[in-house]
C-alpha atoms as a PDB file:
ATOM      1  CA  UNK A   1      67.406 -84.025 106.912  1.00  0.00           C
ATOM      2  CA  UNK A   2      70.290 -83.103 109.208  1.00  0.00           C
ATOM      3  CA  UNK A   3      73.722 -84.049 107.938  1.00  0.00           C
ATOM      4  CA  UNK A   4      75.243 -84.468 111.358  1.00  0.00           C
ATOM      5  CA  UNK A   5      72.622 -86.556 113.152  1.00  0.00           C
ATOM      6  CA  UNK A   6      71.141 -90.019 112.634  1.00  0.00           C
ATOM      7  CA  UNK A   7      68.208 -90.519 110.300  1.00  0.00           C
ATOM      8  CA  UNK A   8      66.180 -92.195 113.045  1.00  0.00           C
ATOM      9  CA  UNK A   9      65.696 -91.715 116.762  1.00  0.00           C
ATOM     10  CA  UNK A  10      67.999 -94.226 118.494  1.00  0.00           C
ATOM     11  CA  UNK A  11      65.312 -94.777 121.143  1.00  0.00           C
ATOM     12  CA  UNK A  12      63.138 -96.480 118.507  1.00  0.00           C
ATOM     13  CA  UNK A  13      62.385-100.079 119.573  1.00  0.00           C
ATOM     14  CA  UNK A  14      65.199-102.297 118.370  1.00  0.00           C
ATOM     15  CA  UNK A  15      62.800-104.634 116.546  1.00  0.00           C
ATOM     16  CA  UNK A  16      62.038-101.783 114.114  1.00  0.00           C
ATOM     17  CA  UNK A  17      65.481-102.125 112.559  1.00  0.00           C
ATOM     18  CA  UNK A  18      64.439-105.512 111.171  1.00  0.00           C
ATOM     19  CA  UNK A  19      61.712-103.943 108.995  1.00  0.00           C
ATOM     20  CA  UNK A  20      64.230-103.480 106.160  1.00  0.00           C
ATOM     21  CA  UNK A  21      64.627-107.240 105.884  1.00  0.00           C
ATOM     22  CA  UNK A  22      60.961-107.623 104.895  1.00  0.00           C
ATOM     23  CA  UNK A  23      62.103-107.172 101.303  1.00  0.00           C
ATOM     24  CA  UNK A  24      65.876-107.292 101.403  1.00  0.00           C
ATOM     25  CA  UNK A  25      66.196-107.630  97.621  1.00  0.00           C
ATOM     26  CA  UNK A  26      64.163-104.466  97.030  1.00  0.00           C
ATOM     27  CA  UNK A  27      66.189-102.583  99.627  1.00  0.00           C
ATOM     28  CA  UNK A  28      69.421-103.691  97.979  1.00  0.00           C
ATOM     29  CA  UNK A  29      68.246-102.592  94.535  1.00  0.00           C
ATOM     30  CA  UNK A  30      66.867 -99.223  95.674  1.00  0.00           C
ATOM     31  CA  UNK A  31      69.490 -97.827  98.014  1.00  0.00           C
ATOM     32  CA  UNK A  32      72.445 -95.954  96.484  1.00  0.00           C
ATOM     33  CA  UNK A  33      75.973 -96.807  97.509  1.00  0.00           C
ATOM     34  CA  UNK A  34      78.658 -94.499  98.860  1.00  0.00           C
ATOM     35  CA  UNK A  35      81.238 -92.260  97.164  1.00  0.00           C
ATOM     36  CA  UNK A  36      84.487 -94.021  96.180  1.00  0.00           C
ATOM     37  CA  UNK A  37      86.398 -91.112  97.708  1.00  0.00           C
ATOM     38  CA  UNK A  38      84.867 -91.949 101.090  1.00  0.00           C
ATOM     39  CA  UNK A  39      86.388 -95.443 101.029  1.00  0.00           C
ATOM     40  CA  UNK A  40      89.795 -93.977 100.185  1.00  0.00           C
ATOM     41  CA  UNK A  41      89.517 -91.343 102.915  1.00  0.00           C
ATOM     42  CA  UNK A  42      88.532 -93.904 105.549  1.00  0.00           C
ATOM     43  CA  UNK A  43      91.437 -96.168 104.556  1.00  0.00           C
ATOM     44  CA  UNK A  44      93.847 -93.230 104.729  1.00  0.00           C
ATOM     45  CA  UNK A  45      92.539 -92.128 108.137  1.00  0.00           C
ATOM     46  CA  UNK A  46      92.715 -95.662 109.512  1.00  0.00           C
ATOM     47  CA  UNK A  47      96.211 -96.176 108.068  1.00  0.00           C
ATOM     48  CA  UNK A  48      95.108 -99.770 107.651  1.00  0.00           C
ATOM     49  CA  UNK A  49      97.551-102.133 106.020  1.00  0.00           C
ATOM     50  CA  UNK A  50      96.665-103.337 102.550  1.00  0.00           C
ATOM     51  CA  UNK A  51      95.687-106.670 104.066  1.00  0.00           C
ATOM     52  CA  UNK A  52      94.291-105.210 107.297  1.00  0.00           C
ATOM     53  CA  UNK A  53      91.095-106.254 109.066  1.00  0.00           C
ATOM     54  CA  UNK A  54      87.858-104.279 109.329  1.00  0.00           C
ATOM     55  CA  UNK A  55      84.626-104.840 111.239  1.00  0.00           C
ATOM     56  CA  UNK A  56      81.376-103.660 109.662  1.00  0.00           C
ATOM     57  CA  UNK A  57      78.438-103.111 112.014  1.00  0.00           C
ATOM     58  CA  UNK A  58      74.956-103.459 110.517  1.00  0.00           C
ATOM     59  CA  UNK A  59      76.240-104.507 107.101  1.00  0.00           C
ATOM     60  CA  UNK A  60      72.772-104.921 105.578  1.00  0.00           C
ATOM     61  CA  UNK A  61      72.960-106.189 102.014  1.00  0.00           C
ATOM     62  CA  UNK A  62      76.541-105.059 101.466  1.00  0.00           C
ATOM     63  CA  UNK A  63      76.295-101.547 100.033  1.00  0.00           C
ATOM     64  CA  UNK A  64      79.406-100.541 101.989  1.00  0.00           C
ATOM     65  CA  UNK A  65      80.912-104.016 102.283  1.00  0.00           C
ATOM     66  CA  UNK A  66      81.927-104.416  98.662  1.00  0.00           C
ATOM     67  CA  UNK A  67      84.034-101.255  98.268  1.00  0.00           C
ATOM     68  CA  UNK A  68      85.984-101.910 101.477  1.00  0.00           C
ATOM     69  CA  UNK A  69      86.476-105.574 100.604  1.00  0.00           C
ATOM     70  CA  UNK A  70      87.599-104.661  97.076  1.00  0.00           C
ATOM     71  CA  UNK A  71      90.122-102.247  98.607  1.00  0.00           C
ATOM     72  CA  UNK A  72      91.924-105.263 100.061  1.00  0.00           C
ATOM     73  CA  UNK A  73      90.619-105.385 103.623  1.00  0.00           C
ATOM     74  CA  UNK A  74      89.422-108.552 105.294  1.00  0.00           C
ATOM     75  CA  UNK A  75      85.915-107.599 106.433  1.00  0.00           C
ATOM     76  CA  UNK A  76      83.901-109.211 109.217  1.00  0.00           C
ATOM     77  CA  UNK A  77      80.241-108.214 108.810  1.00  0.00           C
ATOM     78  CA  UNK A  78      77.852-108.249 111.768  1.00  0.00           C
ATOM     79  CA  UNK A  79      74.232-108.059 110.579  1.00  0.00           C
ATOM     80  CA  UNK A  80      71.246-108.713 112.888  1.00  0.00           C
ATOM     81  CA  UNK A  81      68.713-109.636 110.178  1.00  0.00           C
ATOM     82  CA  UNK A  82      69.163-113.072 108.609  1.00  0.00           C
ATOM     83  CA  UNK A  83      67.223-112.024 105.482  1.00  0.00           C
ATOM     84  CA  UNK A  84      69.579-109.125 104.813  1.00  0.00           C
ATOM     85  CA  UNK A  85      72.540-111.384 105.569  1.00  0.00           C
ATOM     86  CA  UNK A  86      71.429-113.863 102.890  1.00  0.00           C
ATOM     87  CA  UNK A  87      71.631-111.145 100.250  1.00  0.00           C
ATOM     88  CA  UNK A  88      74.951-109.987 101.698  1.00  0.00           C
ATOM     89  CA  UNK A  89      76.441-113.488 101.502  1.00  0.00           C
ATOM     90  CA  UNK A  90      75.351-113.852  97.890  1.00  0.00           C
ATOM     91  CA  UNK A  91      76.810-110.502  96.881  1.00  0.00           C
ATOM     92  CA  UNK A  92      80.115-111.334  98.597  1.00  0.00           C
ATOM     93  CA  UNK A  93      80.349-114.978  97.508  1.00  0.00           C
ATOM     94  CA  UNK A  94      83.331-114.142  95.287  1.00  0.00           C
ATOM     95  CA  UNK A  95      85.191-112.459  98.155  1.00  0.00           C
ATOM     96  CA  UNK A  96      86.773-115.127 100.395  1.00  0.00           C
ATOM     97  CA  UNK A  97      87.995-112.540 102.912  1.00  0.00           C
ATOM     98  CA  UNK A  98      84.459-111.403 103.776  1.00  0.00           C
ATOM     99  CA  UNK A  99      82.873-113.148 106.774  1.00  0.00           C
ATOM    100  CA  UNK A 100      79.211-112.675 107.684  1.00  0.00           C
ATOM    101  CA  UNK A 101      77.960-113.103 111.253  1.00  0.00           C
ATOM    102  CA  UNK A 102      74.202-112.947 111.944  1.00  0.00           C
ATOM    103  CA  UNK A 103      74.107-111.277 115.337  1.00  0.00           C
ATOM    104  CA  UNK A 104      73.302-108.104 117.229  1.00  0.00           C
ATOM    105  CA  UNK A 105      76.451-106.037 117.684  1.00  0.00           C
ATOM    106  CA  UNK A 106      75.385-105.363 121.280  1.00  0.00           C
ATOM    107  CA  UNK A 107      75.822-109.050 122.208  1.00  0.00           C
ATOM    108  CA  UNK A 108      78.297-110.282 119.573  1.00  0.00           C
ATOM    109  CA  UNK A 109      81.744-111.238 120.897  1.00  0.00           C
ATOM    110  CA  UNK A 110      84.704-110.613 118.590  1.00  0.00           C
ATOM    111  CA  UNK A 111      87.503-113.166 118.642  1.00  0.00           C
ATOM    112  CA  UNK A 112      90.116-110.592 117.628  1.00  0.00           C
ATOM    113  CA  UNK A 113      90.649-106.836 117.442  1.00  0.00           C
ATOM    114  CA  UNK A 114      90.287-104.792 114.280  1.00  0.00           C
ATOM    115  CA  UNK A 115      92.148-101.924 112.648  1.00  0.00           C
ATOM    116  CA  UNK A 116      88.887-100.301 111.537  1.00  0.00           C
ATOM    117  CA  UNK A 117      85.254-100.405 112.597  1.00  0.00           C
ATOM    118  CA  UNK A 118      82.823 -98.835 110.156  1.00  0.00           C
ATOM    119  CA  UNK A 119      79.065 -98.560 110.022  1.00  0.00           C
ATOM    120  CA  UNK A 120      76.985 -97.321 107.083  1.00  0.00           C
ATOM    121  CA  UNK A 121      73.470 -96.034 107.631  1.00  0.00           C
ATOM    122  CA  UNK A 122      72.996 -98.108 110.809  1.00  0.00           C
ATOM    123  CA  UNK A 123      74.801 -96.718 113.889  1.00  0.00           C
ATOM    124  CA  UNK A 124      71.567 -95.105 115.112  1.00  0.00           C
ATOM    125  CA  UNK A 125      70.031 -98.593 115.402  1.00  0.00           C
ATOM    126  CA  UNK A 126      72.722 -99.776 117.840  1.00  0.00           C
ATOM    127  CA  UNK A 127      71.888 -99.369 121.549  1.00  0.00           C
ATOM    128  CA  UNK A 128      73.462 -96.027 122.577  1.00  0.00           C
ATOM    129  CA  UNK A 129      74.054 -97.317 126.095  1.00  0.00           C
ATOM    130  CA  UNK A 130      76.680 -99.802 124.912  1.00  0.00           C
ATOM    131  CA  UNK A 131      77.691 -99.032 121.326  1.00  0.00           C
ATOM    132  CA  UNK A 132      80.770 -96.939 122.031  1.00  0.00           C
ATOM    133  CA  UNK A 133      82.130 -99.313 124.668  1.00  0.00           C
ATOM    134  CA  UNK A 134      81.549-102.211 122.272  1.00  0.00           C
ATOM    135  CA  UNK A 135      83.377-100.314 119.534  1.00  0.00           C
ATOM    136  CA  UNK A 136      86.400 -99.674 121.781  1.00  0.00           C
ATOM    137  CA  UNK A 137      86.481-103.330 122.806  1.00  0.00           C
ATOM    138  CA  UNK A 138      86.508-104.449 119.160  1.00  0.00           C
ATOM    139  CA  UNK A 139      89.290-102.098 118.035  1.00  0.00           C
ATOM    140  CA  UNK A 140      93.040-102.235 118.340  1.00  0.00           C
ATOM    141  CA  UNK A 141      94.423 -99.330 120.411  1.00  0.00           C
ATOM    142  CA  UNK A 142      94.485 -96.424 117.982  1.00  0.00           C
ATOM    143  CA  UNK A 143      92.093 -98.224 115.627  1.00  0.00           C
ATOM    144  CA  UNK A 144      89.710 -96.074 113.611  1.00  0.00           C
ATOM    145  CA  UNK A 145      85.942 -95.776 113.661  1.00  0.00           C
ATOM    146  CA  UNK A 146      84.029 -94.483 110.611  1.00  0.00           C
ATOM    147  CA  UNK A 147      80.300 -93.801 110.731  1.00  0.00           C
ATOM    148  CA  UNK A 148      78.466 -92.559 107.651  1.00  0.00           C
ATOM    149  CA  UNK A 149      74.996 -91.894 106.303  1.00  0.00           C
ATOM    150  CA  UNK A 150      73.469 -90.925 102.970  1.00  0.00           C
ATOM    151  CA  UNK A 151      70.890 -88.136 103.054  1.00  0.00           C
ATOM    152  CA  UNK A 152      68.677 -87.511 100.030  1.00  0.00           C
ATOM    153  CA  UNK A 153      66.864 -84.407  98.803  1.00  0.00           C
ATOM    154  CA  UNK A 154      64.906 -83.579  95.657  1.00  0.00           C
ATOM    155  CA  UNK A 155      66.421 -80.555  93.956  1.00  0.00           C
ATOM    156  CA  UNK A 156      63.055 -79.610  92.385  1.00  0.00           C
ATOM    157  CA  UNK A 157      60.909 -77.883  95.016  1.00  0.00           C
ATOM    158  CA  UNK A 158      57.932 -77.896  92.633  1.00  0.00           C
ATOM    159  CA  UNK A 159      57.945 -81.686  92.334  1.00  0.00           C
ATOM    160  CA  UNK A 160      58.513 -82.118  96.063  1.00  0.00           C
ATOM    161  CA  UNK A 161      55.457 -79.918  96.709  1.00  0.00           C
ATOM    162  CA  UNK A 162      53.294 -81.981  94.339  1.00  0.00           C
ATOM    163  CA  UNK A 163      54.362 -85.220  96.003  1.00  0.00           C
ATOM    164  CA  UNK A 164      53.653 -83.871  99.487  1.00  0.00           C
ATOM    165  CA  UNK A 165      50.238 -82.643  98.333  1.00  0.00           C
ATOM    166  CA  UNK A 166      49.425 -86.171  97.147  1.00  0.00           C
ATOM    167  CA  UNK A 167      49.934 -87.432 100.685  1.00  0.00           C
ATOM    168  CA  UNK A 168      47.554 -84.765 102.005  1.00  0.00           C
ATOM    169  CA  UNK A 169      44.858 -85.693  99.455  1.00  0.00           C
ATOM    170  CA  UNK A 170      45.050 -89.341 100.450  1.00  0.00           C
ATOM    171  CA  UNK A 171      45.181 -88.609 104.177  1.00  0.00           C
ATOM    172  CA  UNK A 172      48.633 -90.170 104.552  1.00  0.00           C
ATOM    173  CA  UNK A 173      51.220 -88.333 106.606  1.00  0.00           C
ATOM    174  CA  UNK A 174      54.636 -88.008 105.014  1.00  0.00           C
ATOM    175  CA  UNK A 175      56.825 -90.439 107.001  1.00  0.00           C
ATOM    176  CA  UNK A 176      59.479 -88.793 109.125  1.00  0.00           C
ATOM    177  CA  UNK A 177      63.072 -88.596 107.890  1.00  0.00           C
ATOM    178  CA  UNK A 178      62.225 -89.257 104.257  1.00  0.00           C
ATOM    179  CA  UNK A 179      63.251 -87.020 101.390  1.00  0.00           C
ATOM    180  CA  UNK A 180      59.735 -85.490 101.415  1.00  0.00           C
ATOM    181  CA  UNK A 181      59.656 -84.784 105.144  1.00  0.00           C
ATOM    182  CA  UNK A 182      58.810 -81.052 105.331  1.00  0.00           C
ATOM    183  CA  UNK A 183      59.631 -80.665 109.013  1.00  0.00           C
ATOM    184  CA  UNK A 184      62.638 -78.404 109.460  1.00  0.00           C
ATOM    185  CA  UNK A 185      65.654 -79.971 111.143  1.00  0.00           C
ATOM    186  CA  UNK A 186      68.846 -78.195 112.154  1.00  0.00           C
ATOM    187  CA  UNK A 187      72.012 -79.030 110.264  1.00  0.00           C
ATOM    188  CA  UNK A 188      74.731 -79.896 112.760  1.00  0.00           C
ATOM    189  CA  UNK A 189      78.273 -80.187 111.526  1.00  0.00           C
ATOM    190  CA  UNK A 190      81.657 -80.797 113.065  1.00  0.00           C
ATOM    191  CA  UNK A 191      81.871 -80.344 116.825  1.00  0.00           C
ATOM    192  CA  UNK A 192      78.172 -79.366 117.012  1.00  0.00           C
ATOM    193  CA  UNK A 193      77.028 -82.762 115.725  1.00  0.00           C
ATOM    194  CA  UNK A 194      75.799 -85.488 118.043  1.00  0.00           C
ATOM    195  CA  UNK A 195      78.146 -88.127 116.654  1.00  0.00           C
ATOM    196  CA  UNK A 196      81.172 -85.873 117.199  1.00  0.00           C
ATOM    197  CA  UNK A 197      80.096 -85.132 120.786  1.00  0.00           C
ATOM    198  CA  UNK A 198      79.357 -88.793 121.521  1.00  0.00           C
ATOM    199  CA  UNK A 199      82.669 -89.856 120.031  1.00  0.00           C
ATOM    200  CA  UNK A 200      84.779 -87.476 122.121  1.00  0.00           C
ATOM    201  CA  UNK A 201      82.712 -88.111 125.261  1.00  0.00           C
ATOM    202  CA  UNK A 202      83.540 -91.798 124.870  1.00  0.00           C
ATOM    203  CA  UNK A 203      87.308 -91.223 124.620  1.00  0.00           C
ATOM    204  CA  UNK A 204      87.675 -91.364 120.850  1.00  0.00           C
ATOM    205  CA  UNK A 205      90.248 -88.860 119.654  1.00  0.00           C
ATOM    206  CA  UNK A 206      91.126 -87.026 116.438  1.00  0.00           C
ATOM    207  CA  UNK A 207      87.464 -86.522 115.475  1.00  0.00           C
ATOM    208  CA  UNK A 208      86.740 -85.431 111.927  1.00  0.00           C
ATOM    209  CA  UNK A 209      83.571 -84.770 109.921  1.00  0.00           C
ATOM    210  CA  UNK A 210      83.494 -84.799 106.129  1.00  0.00           C
ATOM    211  CA  UNK A 211      80.709 -84.279 103.606  1.00  0.00           C
ATOM    212  CA  UNK A 212      80.448 -85.645 100.071  1.00  0.00           C
ATOM    213  CA  UNK A 213      77.842 -84.491  97.552  1.00  0.00           C
ATOM    214  CA  UNK A 214      76.665 -86.194  94.383  1.00  0.00           C
ATOM    215  CA  UNK A 215      73.768 -85.706  91.965  1.00  0.00           C
ATOM    216  CA  UNK A 216      71.646 -88.505  90.520  1.00  0.00           C
ATOM    217  CA  UNK A 217      68.791 -88.596  87.990  1.00  0.00           C
ATOM    218  CA  UNK A 218      66.512 -91.444  89.054  1.00  0.00           C
ATOM    219  CA  UNK A 219      63.674 -92.671  86.850  1.00  0.00           C
ATOM    220  CA  UNK A 220      60.128 -92.961  88.187  1.00  0.00           C
ATOM    221  CA  UNK A 221      60.695 -96.578  89.171  1.00  0.00           C
ATOM    222  CA  UNK A 222      64.040 -95.740  90.775  1.00  0.00           C
ATOM    223  CA  UNK A 223      62.507 -92.990  92.879  1.00  0.00           C
ATOM    224  CA  UNK A 224      59.546 -95.143  93.913  1.00  0.00           C
ATOM    225  CA  UNK A 225      62.019 -97.852  94.881  1.00  0.00           C
ATOM    226  CA  UNK A 226      63.829 -95.407  97.136  1.00  0.00           C
ATOM    227  CA  UNK A 227      60.535 -94.400  98.773  1.00  0.00           C
ATOM    228  CA  UNK A 228      59.684 -98.083  99.262  1.00  0.00           C
ATOM    229  CA  UNK A 229      63.009 -98.666 101.015  1.00  0.00           C
ATOM    230  CA  UNK A 230      62.149 -96.236 103.826  1.00  0.00           C
ATOM    231  CA  UNK A 231      60.952 -97.822 107.054  1.00  0.00           C
ATOM    232  CA  UNK A 232      58.103 -95.291 107.340  1.00  0.00           C
ATOM    233  CA  UNK A 233      56.589 -96.381 104.025  1.00  0.00           C
ATOM    234  CA  UNK A 234      57.252-100.065 104.726  1.00  0.00           C
ATOM    235  CA  UNK A 235      55.247 -99.728 107.940  1.00  0.00           C
ATOM    236  CA  UNK A 236      52.113 -98.505 106.110  1.00  0.00           C
ATOM    237  CA  UNK A 237      49.308-101.034 105.567  1.00  0.00           C
ATOM    238  CA  UNK A 238      49.388-102.564 102.087  1.00  0.00           C
ATOM    239  CA  UNK A 239      46.402-100.702 100.596  1.00  0.00           C
ATOM    240  CA  UNK A 240      47.353 -97.106 101.514  1.00  0.00           C
ATOM    241  CA  UNK A 241      50.971 -97.859 100.643  1.00  0.00           C
ATOM    242  CA  UNK A 242      49.949 -98.967  97.158  1.00  0.00           C
ATOM    243  CA  UNK A 243      47.622 -95.966  96.840  1.00  0.00           C
ATOM    244  CA  UNK A 244      50.340 -93.456  97.615  1.00  0.00           C
ATOM    245  CA  UNK A 245      52.919 -95.172  95.404  1.00  0.00           C
ATOM    246  CA  UNK A 246      50.492 -95.242  92.476  1.00  0.00           C
ATOM    247  CA  UNK A 247      49.799 -91.523  92.930  1.00  0.00           C
ATOM    248  CA  UNK A 248      53.466 -90.609  93.351  1.00  0.00           C
ATOM    249  CA  UNK A 249      54.324 -92.573  90.211  1.00  0.00           C
ATOM    250  CA  UNK A 250      51.625 -90.814  88.209  1.00  0.00           C
ATOM    251  CA  UNK A 251      52.865 -87.385  89.331  1.00  0.00           C
ATOM    252  CA  UNK A 252      56.509 -88.134  88.571  1.00  0.00           C
ATOM    253  CA  UNK A 253      55.560 -89.445  85.118  1.00  0.00           C
ATOM    254  CA  UNK A 254      53.473 -86.330  84.451  1.00  0.00           C
ATOM    255  CA  UNK A 255      56.501 -84.205  85.353  1.00  0.00           C
ATOM    256  CA  UNK A 256      58.678 -85.937  82.782  1.00  0.00           C
ATOM    257  CA  UNK A 257      59.517 -89.249  84.440  1.00  0.00           C
ATOM    258  CA  UNK A 258      62.871 -88.120  85.803  1.00  0.00           C
ATOM    259  CA  UNK A 259      64.104 -85.727  88.455  1.00  0.00           C
ATOM    260  CA  UNK A 260      67.348 -84.790  90.131  1.00  0.00           C
ATOM    261  CA  UNK A 261      68.308 -86.192  93.501  1.00  0.00           C
ATOM    262  CA  UNK A 262      71.020 -84.653  95.638  1.00  0.00           C
ATOM    263  CA  UNK A 263      72.809 -87.142  97.871  1.00  0.00           C
ATOM    264  CA  UNK A 264      74.888 -85.803 100.750  1.00  0.00           C
ATOM    265  CA  UNK A 265      77.021 -88.382 102.516  1.00  0.00           C
ATOM    266  CA  UNK A 266      78.061 -87.478 106.045  1.00  0.00           C
ATOM    267  CA  UNK A 267      81.156 -89.217 107.447  1.00  0.00           C
ATOM    268  CA  UNK A 268      82.357 -89.104 111.059  1.00  0.00           C
ATOM    269  CA  UNK A 269      85.838 -90.362 111.882  1.00  0.00           C
ATOM    270  CA  UNK A 270      87.596 -90.998 115.162  1.00  0.00           C
ATOM    271  CA  UNK A 271      90.372 -93.028 116.723  1.00  0.00           C
ATOM    272  CA  UNK A 272      90.154 -95.307 119.737  1.00  0.00           C
ATOM    273  CA  UNK A 273      92.308 -94.140 122.624  1.00  0.00           C
ATOM    274  CA  UNK A 274      94.782 -96.511 124.203  1.00  0.00           C
ATOM    275  CA  UNK A 275      93.159 -98.739 126.807  1.00  0.00           C
END
């Protein structure tokens, strides 16, 4: 999966972004969070005051909300799916400076301007025709934007091959943009990346691109949970979805029940120009 481009085509019908709310609890349990260093780097770049204000676009169940809120920021979360927002509110119930708004960012109207706008794993779902203008309108002059994604890869090619072969046996195509997707994709970094180009084309300055790498050792159930959190697997009919998960689980168990997962987090930073 490319580190410098979104995980999904932004021309995908907007209703597709609500598929993750079909089982918001499962999504919350399965998806990994983000490196602590990323939160520190974003805060440093934004030069946000200890009690500054941040806007999170597409907050989901709060994977990125909690670390920024715990860093001292007041966070306004805009999340279009009410089911995801319910989980988010529960997870942030102990944080009085977190506000959750159920709305599409494209039509939501902020009542103030923010020092920082950040978006984790969701910017590609926001309408590209308006997202950058909406970001500028929500930010203080000189305010920072931070966009980041996690990208996963199995470090064991042998296991990845076995899991792909299981799809072929069952006549199920490997969903695009998953950690088993065999289709080659170019890795775009820095000024060659779409987000960098979009950011500068829309008058955001001081662009920066940073990568963070971590290794994880998920169990069989952990790995199946990650598969189940992908929109491509969620969209499968119930019977073939259960078939492929049963087969993937059997293979992973036969290979020892654990594997190594490499997570690369790609962060794009920029600063809103003065209006």
